[in-house]
Amino acid sequence: MKLNGRTILITGGTAGIGLTFALKFSELGNRVIVTGRRQAVLDQIRKTYPQIHAIQSDVADPEQIRALAGRMSAEFPKLDALMNNAGISFYKNLSGPAADLAGLTRELEVNAGGVIRMTSAFIDMLKANKGTLINVSSALAFVPLPCIPIYCATKAAIHSYTQSLRFQLENTGVEVIELMPPAVKTEMTADLPEGDGITLITTEELVKQSFKSLKKGSLEIRPGQSNQLALMRRLAPDFINGQLWKASRKLVPTAAA
């Protein structure tokens, strides 16, 4: 991937992994636009990092995606990189019926639906500019962490979707990259304990390792523990699944939610 002189849109770019990537891309001389749902946070991003463009948009809302695509086409016609990073996760107990059936699929709407809709909305722009698409899935696409079962299922879906997308776009000039982070220290993982096979890395370390792979032209990037989980999934799936269940069992809510 060419790492400078780009115009890059990053969803979920106001904190954590997305913001750290945004700052690194900006540092390298790229024009960076981030999106997020919370206007107050976006205002703070503009104040703290004036070099970053911040736009309110919710990837779970098709109309907001459509409006964002129109705005980007008008204001940033040279957009040539999209990083689908926005994601949410919730601890879930699946052993009984859920009281909120709509809320039960919220992660699907954001994590999977958001990626698919954003990609569709921007695919013509990426093809016209011979651009790059980066989908952020997870090492948990290989092996689930049972306390966040729906989140893991969405990441497995994005892994499969990205592979198919890469084949279908092979003659279009669009580069399709999948970033599969391990457990990373963010607000999302604040309750996740280290140990029993789980090690958390910082967003800065994730970006450092990821950019080494991007410079090499890697299309599937597995930083840190991600490679180990992929290997264990092949060699000893029962063992690694058991270890992750042991590590996360106490985080499963006591009642279905």
C-alpha atoms as a PDB file:
ATOM      1  CA  MET A   1       0.000   0.000   0.000  1.00  0.00           C
ATOM      2  CA  LYS A   2       1.217   3.477  -0.867  1.00  0.00           C
ATOM      3  CA  LEU A   3       1.424   5.243   2.494  1.00  0.00           C
ATOM      4  CA  ASN A   4       1.589   8.930   1.601  1.00  0.00           C
ATOM      5  CA  GLY A   5      -0.160  11.429  -0.604  1.00  0.00           C
ATOM      6  CA  ARG A   6      -3.516   9.687  -0.115  1.00  0.00           C
ATOM      7  CA  THR A   7      -6.986  10.886   0.854  1.00  0.00           C
ATOM      8  CA  ILE A   8      -8.191   8.447   3.511  1.00  0.00           C
ATOM      9  CA  LEU A   9     -11.585   7.990   5.162  1.00  0.00           C
ATOM     10  CA  ILE A  10     -11.632   6.080   8.469  1.00  0.00           C
ATOM     11  CA  THR A  11     -14.915   5.051  10.096  1.00  0.00           C
ATOM     12  CA  GLY A  12     -14.965   4.917  13.872  1.00  0.00           C
ATOM     13  CA  GLY A  13     -11.920   7.163  13.823  1.00  0.00           C
ATOM     14  CA  THR A  14     -12.511   9.250  16.949  1.00  0.00           C
ATOM     15  CA  ALA A  15     -10.830   6.934  19.471  1.00  0.00           C
ATOM     16  CA  GLY A  16      -8.813   3.767  19.915  1.00  0.00           C
ATOM     17  CA  ILE A  17      -7.539   1.951  16.845  1.00  0.00           C
ATOM     18  CA  GLY A  18      -9.195   4.303  14.361  1.00  0.00           C
ATOM     19  CA  LEU A  19      -7.779   7.502  15.846  1.00  0.00           C
ATOM     20  CA  THR A  20      -4.278   6.059  16.211  1.00  0.00           C
ATOM     21  CA  PHE A  21      -4.292   5.033  12.540  1.00  0.00           C
ATOM     22  CA  ALA A  22      -5.684   8.434  11.559  1.00  0.00           C
ATOM     23  CA  LEU A  23      -2.861  10.255  13.328  1.00  0.00           C
ATOM     24  CA  LYS A  24      -0.220   7.993  11.796  1.00  0.00           C
ATOM     25  CA  PHE A  25      -1.612   8.404   8.286  1.00  0.00           C
ATOM     26  CA  SER A  26      -1.766  12.174   8.799  1.00  0.00           C
ATOM     27  CA  GLU A  27       1.814  12.225  10.064  1.00  0.00           C
ATOM     28  CA  LEU A  28       2.898  10.540   6.818  1.00  0.00           C
ATOM     29  CA  GLY A  29       1.400  13.316   4.700  1.00  0.00           C
ATOM     30  CA  ASN A  30      -2.057  12.002   3.933  1.00  0.00           C
ATOM     31  CA  ARG A  31      -5.343  13.889   4.003  1.00  0.00           C
ATOM     32  CA  VAL A  32      -7.417  12.107   6.654  1.00  0.00           C
ATOM     33  CA  ILE A  33     -11.140  12.197   7.338  1.00  0.00           C
ATOM     34  CA  VAL A  34     -12.643  10.376  10.324  1.00  0.00           C
ATOM     35  CA  THR A  35     -16.266   9.624  11.119  1.00  0.00           C
ATOM     36  CA  GLY A  36     -18.076   8.885  14.357  1.00  0.00           C
ATOM     37  CA  ARG A  37     -21.540   9.041  15.877  1.00  0.00           C
ATOM     38  CA  ARG A  38     -21.000  11.504  18.740  1.00  0.00           C
ATOM     39  CA  GLN A  39     -20.850  15.146  17.710  1.00  0.00           C
ATOM     40  CA  ALA A  40     -19.178  16.284  20.954  1.00  0.00           C
ATOM     41  CA  VAL A  41     -16.330  13.841  20.402  1.00  0.00           C
ATOM     42  CA  LEU A  42     -15.952  14.943  16.788  1.00  0.00           C
ATOM     43  CA  ASP A  43     -15.788  18.580  17.920  1.00  0.00           C
ATOM     44  CA  GLN A  44     -13.016  17.671  20.347  1.00  0.00           C
ATOM     45  CA  ILE A  45     -11.112  15.866  17.572  1.00  0.00           C
ATOM     46  CA  ARG A  46     -11.255  19.007  15.429  1.00  0.00           C
ATOM     47  CA  LYS A  47      -9.990  21.103  18.328  1.00  0.00           C
ATOM     48  CA  THR A  48      -7.193  18.741  19.374  1.00  0.00           C
ATOM     49  CA  TYR A  49      -6.117  17.603  15.899  1.00  0.00           C
ATOM     50  CA  PRO A  50      -6.967  20.400  13.445  1.00  0.00           C
ATOM     51  CA  GLN A  51      -5.213  18.504  10.649  1.00  0.00           C
ATOM     52  CA  ILE A  52      -7.915  15.817  10.831  1.00  0.00           C
ATOM     53  CA  HIS A  53     -11.304  16.327   9.176  1.00  0.00           C
ATOM     54  CA  ALA A  54     -14.123  14.972  11.383  1.00  0.00           C
ATOM     55  CA  ILE A  55     -17.637  14.221  10.109  1.00  0.00           C
ATOM     56  CA  GLN A  56     -20.660  12.873  11.971  1.00  0.00           C
ATOM     57  CA  SER A  57     -21.954   9.644  10.434  1.00  0.00           C
ATOM     58  CA  ASP A  58     -23.349   6.341  11.720  1.00  0.00           C
ATOM     59  CA  VAL A  59     -22.371   3.272   9.690  1.00  0.00           C
ATOM     60  CA  ALA A  60     -25.503   1.470  10.903  1.00  0.00           C
ATOM     61  CA  ASP A  61     -27.737   4.010   9.137  1.00  0.00           C
ATOM     62  CA  PRO A  62     -27.994   3.521   5.344  1.00  0.00           C
ATOM     63  CA  GLU A  63     -29.254   7.072   4.814  1.00  0.00           C
ATOM     64  CA  GLN A  64     -26.309   8.560   6.680  1.00  0.00           C
ATOM     65  CA  ILE A  65     -23.934   6.412   4.634  1.00  0.00           C
ATOM     66  CA  ARG A  66     -25.569   7.635   1.432  1.00  0.00           C
ATOM     67  CA  ALA A  67     -25.261  11.249   2.586  1.00  0.00           C
ATOM     68  CA  LEU A  68     -21.623  10.712   3.567  1.00  0.00           C
ATOM     69  CA  ALA A  69     -20.796   9.273   0.149  1.00  0.00           C
ATOM     70  CA  GLY A  70     -22.359  12.294  -1.541  1.00  0.00           C
ATOM     71  CA  ARG A  71     -20.459  14.704   0.667  1.00  0.00           C
ATOM     72  CA  MET A  72     -17.157  12.927   0.139  1.00  0.00           C
ATOM     73  CA  SER A  73     -17.640  12.921  -3.628  1.00  0.00           C
ATOM     74  CA  ALA A  74     -18.257  16.680  -3.556  1.00  0.00           C
ATOM     75  CA  GLU A  75     -15.614  17.714  -1.014  1.00  0.00           C
ATOM     76  CA  PHE A  76     -12.957  15.015  -1.358  1.00  0.00           C
ATOM     77  CA  PRO A  77     -13.197  13.719  -4.944  1.00  0.00           C
ATOM     78  CA  LYS A  78      -9.675  12.286  -4.774  1.00  0.00           C
ATOM     79  CA  LEU A  79     -10.606   9.878  -1.973  1.00  0.00           C
ATOM     80  CA  ASP A  80      -8.577   6.776  -2.661  1.00  0.00           C
ATOM     81  CA  ALA A  81      -8.568   4.862   0.631  1.00  0.00           C
ATOM     82  CA  LEU A  82     -11.372   3.660   2.884  1.00  0.00           C
ATOM     83  CA  MET A  83     -10.699   2.032   6.246  1.00  0.00           C
ATOM     84  CA  ASN A  84     -13.788   0.270   7.597  1.00  0.00           C
ATOM     85  CA  ASN A  85     -12.932   0.334  11.280  1.00  0.00           C
ATOM     86  CA  ALA A  86     -16.149   1.195  13.171  1.00  0.00           C
ATOM     87  CA  GLY A  87     -17.225  -1.565  15.524  1.00  0.00           C
ATOM     88  CA  ILE A  88     -19.019  -2.295  18.781  1.00  0.00           C
ATOM     89  CA  SER A  89     -19.110  -5.296  21.114  1.00  0.00           C
ATOM     90  CA  PHE A  90     -21.349  -6.413  23.955  1.00  0.00           C
ATOM     91  CA  TYR A  91     -21.071  -9.229  26.451  1.00  0.00           C
ATOM     92  CA  LYS A  92     -23.921 -11.632  25.728  1.00  0.00           C
ATOM     93  CA  ASN A  93     -25.497 -14.611  27.458  1.00  0.00           C
ATOM     94  CA  LEU A  94     -27.045 -16.790  24.746  1.00  0.00           C
ATOM     95  CA  SER A  95     -28.355 -19.486  27.087  1.00  0.00           C
ATOM     96  CA  GLY A  96     -31.843 -17.986  27.246  1.00  0.00           C
ATOM     97  CA  PRO A  97     -34.172 -15.726  25.240  1.00  0.00           C
ATOM     98  CA  ALA A  98     -33.184 -12.088  24.814  1.00  0.00           C
ATOM     99  CA  ALA A  99     -35.583  -9.438  26.081  1.00  0.00           C
ATOM    100  CA  ASP A 100     -34.469  -7.004  23.359  1.00  0.00           C
ATOM    101  CA  LEU A 101     -34.579  -8.820  20.022  1.00  0.00           C
ATOM    102  CA  ALA A 102     -33.717  -5.660  18.081  1.00  0.00           C
ATOM    103  CA  GLY A 103     -30.704  -4.960  20.291  1.00  0.00           C
ATOM    104  CA  LEU A 104     -29.572  -8.537  19.884  1.00  0.00           C
ATOM    105  CA  THR A 105     -28.426  -7.806  16.329  1.00  0.00           C
ATOM    106  CA  ARG A 106     -26.984  -4.322  16.900  1.00  0.00           C
ATOM    107  CA  GLU A 107     -23.425  -5.637  16.445  1.00  0.00           C
ATOM    108  CA  LEU A 108     -24.426  -7.182  13.125  1.00  0.00           C
ATOM    109  CA  GLU A 109     -25.775  -3.854  11.887  1.00  0.00           C
ATOM    110  CA  VAL A 110     -22.615  -1.936  12.804  1.00  0.00           C
ATOM    111  CA  ASN A 111     -19.776  -4.432  12.448  1.00  0.00           C
ATOM    112  CA  ALA A 112     -20.943  -6.373   9.401  1.00  0.00           C
ATOM    113  CA  GLY A 113     -23.716  -4.301   7.866  1.00  0.00           C
ATOM    114  CA  GLY A 114     -21.694  -1.115   8.206  1.00  0.00           C
ATOM    115  CA  VAL A 115     -18.696  -2.570   6.374  1.00  0.00           C
ATOM    116  CA  ILE A 116     -20.820  -4.000   3.579  1.00  0.00           C
ATOM    117  CA  ARG A 117     -22.858  -0.824   3.084  1.00  0.00           C
ATOM    118  CA  MET A 118     -19.850   1.515   3.289  1.00  0.00           C
ATOM    119  CA  THR A 119     -17.954  -0.574   0.771  1.00  0.00           C
ATOM    120  CA  SER A 120     -20.889  -0.529  -1.636  1.00  0.00           C
ATOM    121  CA  ALA A 121     -21.402   3.220  -1.231  1.00  0.00           C
ATOM    122  CA  PHE A 122     -17.759   4.010  -1.967  1.00  0.00           C
ATOM    123  CA  ILE A 123     -16.803   1.265  -4.411  1.00  0.00           C
ATOM    124  CA  ASP A 124     -17.197   3.380  -7.556  1.00  0.00           C
ATOM    125  CA  MET A 125     -15.054   6.127  -6.035  1.00  0.00           C
ATOM    126  CA  LEU A 126     -12.362   3.631  -5.064  1.00  0.00           C
ATOM    127  CA  LYS A 127     -12.375   2.085  -8.530  1.00  0.00           C
ATOM    128  CA  ALA A 128     -12.184   5.475 -10.236  1.00  0.00           C
ATOM    129  CA  ASN A 129      -9.185   6.457  -8.087  1.00  0.00           C
ATOM    130  CA  LYS A 130      -7.506   2.997  -8.128  1.00  0.00           C
ATOM    131  CA  GLY A 131      -7.781   3.040  -4.368  1.00  0.00           C
ATOM    132  CA  THR A 132      -7.296   0.888  -1.299  1.00  0.00           C
ATOM    133  CA  LEU A 133      -9.910  -0.703   0.926  1.00  0.00           C
ATOM    134  CA  ILE A 134      -8.920  -1.768   4.456  1.00  0.00           C
ATOM    135  CA  ASN A 135     -11.427  -3.857   6.401  1.00  0.00           C
ATOM    136  CA  VAL A 136     -10.719  -4.258  10.099  1.00  0.00           C
ATOM    137  CA  SER A 137     -11.834  -7.677  11.297  1.00  0.00           C
ATOM    138  CA  SER A 138     -10.131  -9.430  14.218  1.00  0.00           C
ATOM    139  CA  ALA A 139      -8.052 -12.394  15.289  1.00  0.00           C
ATOM    140  CA  LEU A 140     -11.355 -13.538  16.798  1.00  0.00           C
ATOM    141  CA  ALA A 141     -12.482 -14.321  13.259  1.00  0.00           C
ATOM    142  CA  PHE A 142     -10.380 -17.473  13.722  1.00  0.00           C
ATOM    143  CA  VAL A 143     -11.365 -18.458  17.265  1.00  0.00           C
ATOM    144  CA  PRO A 144     -14.256 -16.977  19.274  1.00  0.00           C
ATOM    145  CA  LEU A 145     -14.057 -15.333  22.668  1.00  0.00           C
ATOM    146  CA  PRO A 146     -17.345 -16.738  24.010  1.00  0.00           C
ATOM    147  CA  CYS A 147     -18.236 -13.757  26.209  1.00  0.00           C
ATOM    148  CA  ILE A 148     -18.684 -11.625  23.046  1.00  0.00           C
ATOM    149  CA  PRO A 149     -20.185 -14.246  20.713  1.00  0.00           C
ATOM    150  CA  ILE A 150     -22.009 -11.972  18.280  1.00  0.00           C
ATOM    151  CA  TYR A 151     -19.009  -9.659  17.918  1.00  0.00           C
ATOM    152  CA  CYS A 152     -16.839 -12.656  17.038  1.00  0.00           C
ATOM    153  CA  ALA A 153     -19.412 -13.888  14.531  1.00  0.00           C
ATOM    154  CA  THR A 154     -19.403 -10.481  12.800  1.00  0.00           C
ATOM    155  CA  LYS A 155     -15.625 -10.549  12.496  1.00  0.00           C
ATOM    156  CA  ALA A 156     -15.693 -14.043  11.005  1.00  0.00           C
ATOM    157  CA  ALA A 157     -18.253 -12.740   8.507  1.00  0.00           C
ATOM    158  CA  ILE A 158     -16.041  -9.792   7.560  1.00  0.00           C
ATOM    159  CA  HIS A 159     -13.060 -12.126   7.095  1.00  0.00           C
ATOM    160  CA  SER A 160     -15.034 -14.228   4.607  1.00  0.00           C
ATOM    161  CA  TYR A 161     -16.610 -11.180   2.931  1.00  0.00           C
ATOM    162  CA  THR A 162     -13.218  -9.525   2.441  1.00  0.00           C
ATOM    163  CA  GLN A 163     -11.757 -12.619   0.813  1.00  0.00           C
ATOM    164  CA  SER A 164     -14.632 -12.769  -1.681  1.00  0.00           C
ATOM    165  CA  LEU A 165     -14.394  -9.023  -2.297  1.00  0.00           C
ATOM    166  CA  ARG A 166     -10.697  -9.329  -3.090  1.00  0.00           C
ATOM    167  CA  PHE A 167     -11.440 -11.889  -5.801  1.00  0.00           C
ATOM    168  CA  GLN A 168     -14.271  -9.871  -7.323  1.00  0.00           C
ATOM    169  CA  LEU A 169     -12.156  -6.695  -7.441  1.00  0.00           C
ATOM    170  CA  GLU A 170      -8.985  -8.347  -8.721  1.00  0.00           C
ATOM    171  CA  ASN A 171      -9.125  -6.628 -12.141  1.00  0.00           C
ATOM    172  CA  THR A 172     -10.370  -3.224 -10.985  1.00  0.00           C
ATOM    173  CA  GLY A 173      -7.179  -1.731  -9.565  1.00  0.00           C
ATOM    174  CA  VAL A 174      -8.642  -1.663  -6.045  1.00  0.00           C
ATOM    175  CA  GLU A 175      -6.326  -3.074  -3.375  1.00  0.00           C
ATOM    176  CA  VAL A 176      -8.247  -5.014  -0.696  1.00  0.00           C
ATOM    177  CA  ILE A 177      -6.525  -5.361   2.685  1.00  0.00           C
ATOM    178  CA  GLU A 178      -7.747  -7.060   5.840  1.00  0.00           C
ATOM    179  CA  LEU A 179      -6.367  -6.018   9.219  1.00  0.00           C
ATOM    180  CA  MET A 180      -6.917  -8.659  11.916  1.00  0.00           C
ATOM    181  CA  PRO A 181      -5.910  -7.118  15.265  1.00  0.00           C
ATOM    182  CA  PRO A 182      -5.354  -9.199  18.389  1.00  0.00           C
ATOM    183  CA  ALA A 183      -6.731  -7.955  21.715  1.00  0.00           C
ATOM    184  CA  VAL A 184      -5.896  -4.238  21.894  1.00  0.00           C
ATOM    185  CA  LYS A 185      -6.041  -1.897  24.884  1.00  0.00           C
ATOM    186  CA  THR A 186      -9.047   0.326  24.133  1.00  0.00           C
ATOM    187  CA  GLU A 187     -12.315   1.301  25.812  1.00  0.00           C
ATOM    188  CA  MET A 188     -13.855  -1.787  24.232  1.00  0.00           C
ATOM    189  CA  THR A 189     -11.493  -4.147  26.085  1.00  0.00           C
ATOM    190  CA  ALA A 190     -11.380  -2.318  29.428  1.00  0.00           C
ATOM    191  CA  ASP A 191     -12.946  -5.280  31.271  1.00  0.00           C
ATOM    192  CA  LEU A 192     -10.950  -7.977  29.502  1.00  0.00           C
ATOM    193  CA  PRO A 193      -8.359  -9.528  31.853  1.00  0.00           C
ATOM    194  CA  GLU A 194      -4.930 -10.522  30.640  1.00  0.00           C
ATOM    195  CA  GLY A 195      -3.778 -14.066  31.246  1.00  0.00           C
ATOM    196  CA  ASP A 196      -5.027 -17.547  30.302  1.00  0.00           C
ATOM    197  CA  GLY A 197      -3.744 -16.986  26.784  1.00  0.00           C
ATOM    198  CA  ILE A 198      -4.910 -13.371  26.376  1.00  0.00           C
ATOM    199  CA  THR A 199      -2.369 -10.573  25.948  1.00  0.00           C
ATOM    200  CA  LEU A 200      -3.379  -7.003  25.147  1.00  0.00           C
ATOM    201  CA  ILE A 201      -1.216  -4.691  23.061  1.00  0.00           C
ATOM    202  CA  THR A 202      -1.422  -0.898  22.802  1.00  0.00           C
ATOM    203  CA  THR A 203      -2.918   0.864  19.794  1.00  0.00           C
ATOM    204  CA  GLU A 204       0.526   2.333  19.135  1.00  0.00           C
ATOM    205  CA  GLU A 205       2.090  -1.143  18.966  1.00  0.00           C
ATOM    206  CA  LEU A 206      -0.725  -2.331  16.701  1.00  0.00           C
ATOM    207  CA  VAL A 207      -0.125   0.558  14.308  1.00  0.00           C
ATOM    208  CA  LYS A 208       3.639   0.029  14.381  1.00  0.00           C
ATOM    209  CA  GLN A 209       3.335  -3.652  13.464  1.00  0.00           C
ATOM    210  CA  SER A 210       0.576  -3.009  10.925  1.00  0.00           C
ATOM    211  CA  PHE A 211       2.542  -0.365   9.049  1.00  0.00           C
ATOM    212  CA  LYS A 212       5.466  -2.748   8.665  1.00  0.00           C
ATOM    213  CA  SER A 213       3.113  -5.132   6.891  1.00  0.00           C
ATOM    214  CA  LEU A 214       1.483  -2.369   4.839  1.00  0.00           C
ATOM    215  CA  LYS A 215       4.908  -1.290   3.589  1.00  0.00           C
ATOM    216  CA  LYS A 216       5.568  -4.872   2.480  1.00  0.00           C
ATOM    217  CA  GLY A 217       2.326  -5.001   0.538  1.00  0.00           C
ATOM    218  CA  SER A 218       0.640  -7.590   2.751  1.00  0.00           C
ATOM    219  CA  LEU A 219      -3.059  -8.090   2.058  1.00  0.00           C
ATOM    220  CA  GLU A 220      -3.915  -9.994   5.250  1.00  0.00           C
ATOM    221  CA  ILE A 221      -2.262  -8.423   8.279  1.00  0.00           C
ATOM    222  CA  ARG A 222      -2.119 -10.404  11.529  1.00  0.00           C
ATOM    223  CA  PRO A 223      -0.203  -8.410  14.141  1.00  0.00           C
ATOM    224  CA  GLY A 224       0.939  -9.812  17.473  1.00  0.00           C
ATOM    225  CA  GLN A 225      -1.085 -12.711  18.831  1.00  0.00           C
ATOM    226  CA  SER A 226      -3.271 -12.916  15.716  1.00  0.00           C
ATOM    227  CA  ASN A 227      -0.826 -15.196  13.931  1.00  0.00           C
ATOM    228  CA  GLN A 228      -0.667 -17.467  16.971  1.00  0.00           C
ATOM    229  CA  LEU A 229      -4.450 -17.745  17.141  1.00  0.00           C
ATOM    230  CA  ALA A 230      -4.649 -18.553  13.429  1.00  0.00           C
ATOM    231  CA  LEU A 231      -2.038 -21.271  13.896  1.00  0.00           C
ATOM    232  CA  MET A 232      -3.666 -22.708  17.018  1.00  0.00           C
ATOM    233  CA  ARG A 233      -7.013 -22.790  15.223  1.00  0.00           C
ATOM    234  CA  ARG A 234      -5.433 -25.214  12.743  1.00  0.00           C
ATOM    235  CA  LEU A 235      -3.248 -27.253  15.075  1.00  0.00           C
ATOM    236  CA  ALA A 236      -5.207 -27.466  18.333  1.00  0.00           C
ATOM    237  CA  PRO A 237      -8.681 -25.930  17.977  1.00  0.00           C
ATOM    238  CA  ASP A 238     -10.167 -27.633  21.040  1.00  0.00           C
ATOM    239  CA  PHE A 239      -7.307 -26.431  23.234  1.00  0.00           C
ATOM    240  CA  ILE A 240      -7.379 -22.788  22.149  1.00  0.00           C
ATOM    241  CA  ASN A 241     -11.182 -22.634  22.228  1.00  0.00           C
ATOM    242  CA  GLY A 242     -11.105 -24.034  25.755  1.00  0.00           C
ATOM    243  CA  GLN A 243      -8.481 -21.525  26.855  1.00  0.00           C
ATOM    244  CA  LEU A 244     -10.468 -18.572  25.568  1.00  0.00           C
ATOM    245  CA  TRP A 245     -13.627 -19.898  27.221  1.00  0.00           C
ATOM    246  CA  LYS A 246     -11.739 -20.242  30.497  1.00  0.00           C
ATOM    247  CA  ALA A 247     -10.439 -16.677  30.189  1.00  0.00           C
ATOM    248  CA  SER A 248     -13.819 -15.149  29.353  1.00  0.00           C
ATOM    249  CA  ARG A 249     -16.368 -17.284  31.222  1.00  0.00           C
ATOM    250  CA  LYS A 250     -16.653 -14.815  34.121  1.00  0.00           C
ATOM    251  CA  LEU A 251     -17.518 -11.986  31.711  1.00  0.00           C
ATOM    252  CA  VAL A 252     -20.688 -13.659  30.438  1.00  0.00           C
ATOM    253  CA  PRO A 253     -23.724 -11.856  31.951  1.00  0.00           C
ATOM    254  CA  THR A 254     -25.680 -13.906  34.475  1.00  0.00           C
ATOM    255  CA  ALA A 255     -28.914 -13.447  32.527  1.00  0.00           C
ATOM    256  CA  ALA A 256     -29.681 -13.245  28.850  1.00  0.00           C
ATOM    257  CA  ALA A 257     -29.463  -9.721  27.444  1.00  0.00           C
END
